[in-house]
Amino acid sequence: MKLLVKAFIKFAVGLLLVGALLFIPGGYDFPNAWLFIALLFIPMLILGAVLYLRAPELLEKRLDVKEKQGAQKGVVGISALIFIAGFTVAGLDNRFSWSNVPDILVIVASAVLLISYVLYAEVMRENAYLSRTVKVEDGQKVVDTGLYAIVRHPMYSVTLWLFLSIPIVLGSYFSLICFLPYVAAIVVRIINEEKLLEKELDGYTEYKKKVKYRLLPFIW
């Protein structure tokens, strides 16, 4: 029951926060914001319910967002500022009609967001050790199958596509500019995380030799 209450509070706070960041600057006549909230929070609710019923331990890990490493705390803080700026600018863009994003691009971005969410769920199915913080657990093993056979950090790959599709779903090119630094934040997080994994996770060095790319195949 404690886990259920904790998950519900996190969900409600996230919904209220995102809504405030979009609708206060953008007004309630913001159809792209309503679309985005539906695309993000309905799958999130479904995924959370599935995890609660079938993998409560994994849900507990995903709700833990308190980083213990200084470098990772900095990345998380910068990422939060990026999201605040991106959502606020998207709202202002709607209010003052700065961008004119074609409907077809919004549809494509919406599809990318949903596909990314499906892949997000698949990554969690493949790796029971996933958490929101950078750490190595007792008995943790290297996962090298499925999406982990393509890139070493498929969760970050999926979230990158998901987050970069958000400003287009919101109909704002200026918001996309705000979100672009998120790519650098992810790169810094991966570099820092791999140092920890090489040091504390048995077999990770060999895994790096087997799977050469961290984030995007044939690029990095």
Protein backbone atom coordinates (compact mmCIF):
# COMPACT_ATOMS: atom_id res chain seq x y z
CA MET A 1 0.00 0.00 0.00
CA LYS A 2 2.89 2.37 0.79
CA LEU A 3 4.30 1.77 -2.69
CA LEU A 4 0.91 2.43 -4.28
CA VAL A 5 0.50 5.71 -2.37
CA LYS A 6 4.07 6.77 -3.21
CA ALA A 7 3.53 6.02 -6.91
CA PHE A 8 0.21 7.87 -6.98
CA ILE A 9 1.71 10.94 -5.30
CA LYS A 10 4.63 11.00 -7.77
CA PHE A 11 2.21 10.66 -10.68
CA ALA A 12 -0.11 13.39 -9.41
CA VAL A 13 2.73 15.81 -8.63
CA GLY A 14 4.26 15.22 -12.07
CA LEU A 15 0.93 15.81 -13.79
CA LEU A 16 0.27 19.01 -11.83
CA LEU A 17 3.79 20.32 -12.36
CA VAL A 18 3.81 19.70 -16.12
CA GLY A 19 0.32 21.15 -16.41
CA ALA A 20 1.35 24.29 -14.52
CA LEU A 21 4.49 24.78 -16.61
CA LEU A 22 2.48 24.50 -19.84
CA PHE A 23 -0.86 26.11 -19.07
CA ILE A 24 0.19 29.07 -16.91
CA PRO A 25 2.34 30.61 -19.66
CA GLY A 26 0.36 29.11 -22.55
CA GLY A 27 -3.25 29.33 -21.43
CA TYR A 28 -5.82 26.54 -21.46
CA ASP A 29 -6.48 27.01 -25.19
CA PHE A 30 -3.38 24.91 -25.90
CA PRO A 31 -4.45 21.79 -27.83
CA ASN A 32 -0.87 20.56 -28.30
CA ALA A 33 -0.36 20.58 -24.53
CA TRP A 34 -3.53 18.52 -23.98
CA LEU A 35 -2.29 16.08 -26.64
CA PHE A 36 1.14 15.81 -25.01
CA ILE A 37 -0.28 15.24 -21.54
CA ALA A 38 -2.48 12.44 -22.87
CA LEU A 39 0.42 10.84 -24.76
CA LEU A 40 2.74 11.01 -21.76
CA PHE A 41 0.59 10.34 -18.71
CA ILE A 42 -1.86 7.71 -19.99
CA PRO A 43 0.95 5.27 -20.97
CA MET A 44 2.76 6.22 -17.74
CA LEU A 45 -0.31 5.27 -15.72
CA ILE A 46 -0.67 1.97 -17.57
CA LEU A 47 3.03 1.13 -17.19
CA GLY A 48 2.96 2.02 -13.50
CA ALA A 49 -0.06 -0.24 -12.94
CA VAL A 50 1.65 -3.14 -14.72
CA LEU A 51 4.84 -2.69 -12.69
CA TYR A 52 2.86 -2.48 -9.44
CA LEU A 53 1.11 -5.75 -10.19
CA ARG A 54 3.96 -7.69 -11.78
CA ALA A 55 7.27 -6.09 -10.72
CA PRO A 56 6.82 -3.94 -7.59
CA GLU A 57 10.56 -4.06 -6.82
CA LEU A 58 11.33 -2.46 -10.18
CA LEU A 59 8.65 0.18 -9.62
CA GLU A 60 10.26 0.99 -6.28
CA LYS A 61 13.60 1.50 -8.01
CA ARG A 62 12.07 3.74 -10.69
CA LEU A 63 10.52 5.94 -7.99
CA ASP A 64 13.90 6.49 -6.30
CA VAL A 65 15.36 9.67 -7.81
CA LYS A 66 17.83 10.67 -5.08
CA GLU A 67 21.28 10.62 -6.64
CA LYS A 68 24.18 10.09 -4.25
CA GLN A 69 27.04 11.04 -6.62
CA GLY A 70 27.93 14.72 -6.95
CA ALA A 71 28.40 14.65 -10.72
CA GLN A 72 25.07 12.92 -11.25
CA LYS A 73 23.29 15.38 -8.97
CA GLY A 74 24.58 18.15 -11.22
CA VAL A 75 23.31 16.41 -14.35
CA VAL A 76 19.88 15.84 -12.79
CA GLY A 77 19.71 19.49 -11.73
CA ILE A 78 20.63 20.76 -15.19
CA SER A 79 18.11 18.38 -16.77
CA ALA A 80 15.37 19.76 -14.49
CA LEU A 81 16.20 23.31 -15.58
CA ILE A 82 16.09 22.22 -19.24
CA PHE A 83 12.61 20.77 -18.80
CA ILE A 84 11.31 23.82 -16.93
CA ALA A 85 12.66 26.13 -19.63
CA GLY A 86 11.39 23.91 -22.47
CA PHE A 87 7.84 23.63 -21.15
CA THR A 88 7.63 27.32 -20.25
CA VAL A 89 8.87 28.42 -23.67
CA ALA A 90 6.41 26.04 -25.36
CA GLY A 91 3.61 27.70 -23.40
CA LEU A 92 4.75 31.17 -24.36
CA ASP A 93 5.12 30.01 -27.97
CA ASN A 94 1.47 28.93 -27.96
CA ARG A 95 0.31 32.21 -26.40
CA PHE A 96 2.21 34.44 -28.83
CA SER A 97 2.19 32.12 -31.90
CA TRP A 98 5.94 32.21 -32.52
CA SER A 99 6.14 28.82 -34.29
CA ASN A 100 4.10 27.27 -37.07
CA VAL A 101 4.75 23.56 -36.79
CA PRO A 102 2.87 21.56 -39.47
CA ASP A 103 0.33 19.04 -38.23
CA ILE A 104 2.17 16.23 -40.00
CA LEU A 105 5.28 16.91 -37.89
CA VAL A 106 3.18 16.88 -34.73
CA ILE A 107 1.70 13.52 -35.79
CA VAL A 108 5.15 12.06 -36.54
CA ALA A 109 6.54 13.34 -33.24
CA SER A 110 3.55 11.86 -31.41
CA ALA A 111 4.24 8.49 -33.01
CA VAL A 112 7.93 8.73 -32.04
CA LEU A 113 6.93 9.52 -28.45
CA LEU A 114 4.60 6.51 -28.23
CA ILE A 115 7.10 4.15 -29.88
CA SER A 116 9.76 5.40 -27.47
CA TYR A 117 7.47 4.59 -24.56
CA VAL A 118 6.96 1.05 -25.84
CA LEU A 119 10.74 0.61 -26.15
CA TYR A 120 11.12 2.12 -22.66
CA ALA A 121 8.88 -0.62 -21.30
CA GLU A 122 10.84 -3.25 -23.24
CA VAL A 123 14.13 -2.06 -21.74
CA MET A 124 12.65 -2.38 -18.26
CA ARG A 125 11.45 -5.88 -19.10
CA GLU A 126 14.96 -6.85 -20.21
CA ASN A 127 16.83 -5.33 -17.27
CA ALA A 128 15.46 -5.91 -13.77
CA TYR A 129 18.33 -3.89 -12.27
CA LEU A 130 17.21 -0.58 -13.77
CA SER A 131 16.88 2.34 -11.40
CA ARG A 132 16.58 6.10 -11.77
CA THR A 133 19.89 6.59 -9.95
CA VAL A 134 23.39 5.48 -10.90
CA LYS A 135 24.41 2.55 -8.71
CA VAL A 136 25.42 -1.13 -8.79
CA GLU A 137 23.38 -3.59 -6.70
CA ASP A 138 24.53 -6.73 -4.95
CA GLY A 139 24.40 -9.66 -7.35
CA GLN A 140 23.85 -7.43 -10.38
CA LYS A 141 24.82 -8.98 -13.72
CA VAL A 142 25.54 -7.50 -17.12
CA VAL A 143 22.54 -7.61 -19.46
CA ASP A 144 23.70 -8.10 -23.05
CA THR A 145 20.60 -9.31 -24.89
CA GLY A 146 17.77 -7.57 -26.73
CA LEU A 147 18.30 -3.84 -27.06
CA TYR A 148 21.39 -4.17 -24.87
CA ALA A 149 23.03 -6.10 -27.73
CA ILE A 150 22.68 -2.99 -29.94
CA VAL A 151 23.76 -0.18 -27.59
CA ARG A 152 25.05 -0.21 -24.03
CA HIS A 153 22.52 2.31 -22.73
CA PRO A 154 19.22 1.69 -24.53
CA MET A 155 17.24 3.42 -21.77
CA TYR A 156 19.06 6.68 -22.46
CA SER A 157 18.68 6.17 -26.21
CA VAL A 158 14.93 5.75 -25.84
CA THR A 159 14.54 8.72 -23.48
CA LEU A 160 16.56 10.88 -25.88
CA TRP A 161 14.11 10.20 -28.72
CA LEU A 162 11.19 10.61 -26.34
CA PHE A 163 12.30 13.94 -24.91
CA LEU A 164 13.37 15.46 -28.23
CA SER A 165 9.95 14.63 -29.67
CA ILE A 166 8.20 16.54 -26.86
CA PRO A 167 8.71 20.11 -28.16
CA ILE A 168 7.45 19.13 -31.62
CA VAL A 169 4.37 17.52 -30.10
CA LEU A 170 3.92 20.82 -28.25
CA GLY A 171 4.23 22.66 -31.56
CA SER A 172 7.26 24.76 -30.64
CA TYR A 173 10.59 25.06 -32.46
CA PHE A 174 11.84 27.41 -29.74
CA SER A 175 11.14 24.78 -27.10
CA LEU A 176 13.22 22.33 -29.15
CA ILE A 177 16.17 24.70 -28.83
CA CYS A 178 15.71 24.59 -25.05
CA PHE A 179 15.65 20.78 -25.06
CA LEU A 180 18.78 20.27 -27.17
CA PRO A 181 21.22 20.67 -24.22
CA TYR A 182 19.60 17.52 -22.81
CA VAL A 183 21.75 15.58 -25.28
CA ALA A 184 24.91 16.91 -23.59
CA ALA A 185 23.47 16.11 -20.15
CA ILE A 186 22.86 12.50 -21.21
CA VAL A 187 26.40 12.19 -22.60
CA VAL A 188 27.91 13.44 -19.33
CA ARG A 189 25.70 11.05 -17.34
CA ILE A 190 26.71 8.07 -19.47
CA ILE A 191 30.44 8.84 -19.22
CA ASN A 192 30.18 9.13 -15.45
CA GLU A 193 28.02 6.01 -15.14
CA GLU A 194 30.38 3.87 -17.20
CA LYS A 195 33.27 4.73 -14.90
CA LEU A 196 31.25 3.32 -12.02
CA LEU A 197 30.14 0.24 -13.96
CA GLU A 198 33.69 -0.60 -15.07
CA LYS A 199 34.85 -0.37 -11.48
CA GLU A 200 32.02 -2.17 -9.69
CA LEU A 201 30.14 -4.41 -12.17
CA ASP A 202 31.84 -7.70 -13.06
CA GLY A 203 31.98 -8.34 -16.80
CA TYR A 204 31.21 -4.77 -17.88
CA THR A 205 34.64 -4.21 -19.44
CA GLU A 206 34.16 -7.31 -21.62
CA TYR A 207 30.64 -6.13 -22.47
CA LYS A 208 32.07 -2.81 -23.71
CA LYS A 209 34.29 -4.70 -26.13
CA LYS A 210 31.31 -6.71 -27.39
CA VAL A 211 28.88 -3.78 -27.75
CA LYS A 212 30.87 -0.80 -29.03
CA TYR A 213 28.24 1.92 -29.12
CA ARG A 214 26.87 3.67 -26.04
CA LEU A 215 23.84 5.63 -27.28
CA LEU A 216 23.36 5.52 -31.05
CA PRO A 217 24.53 2.70 -33.37
CA PHE A 218 27.44 3.67 -35.63
CA ILE A 219 27.63 7.17 -34.07
CA TRP A 220 28.57 7.01 -30.35
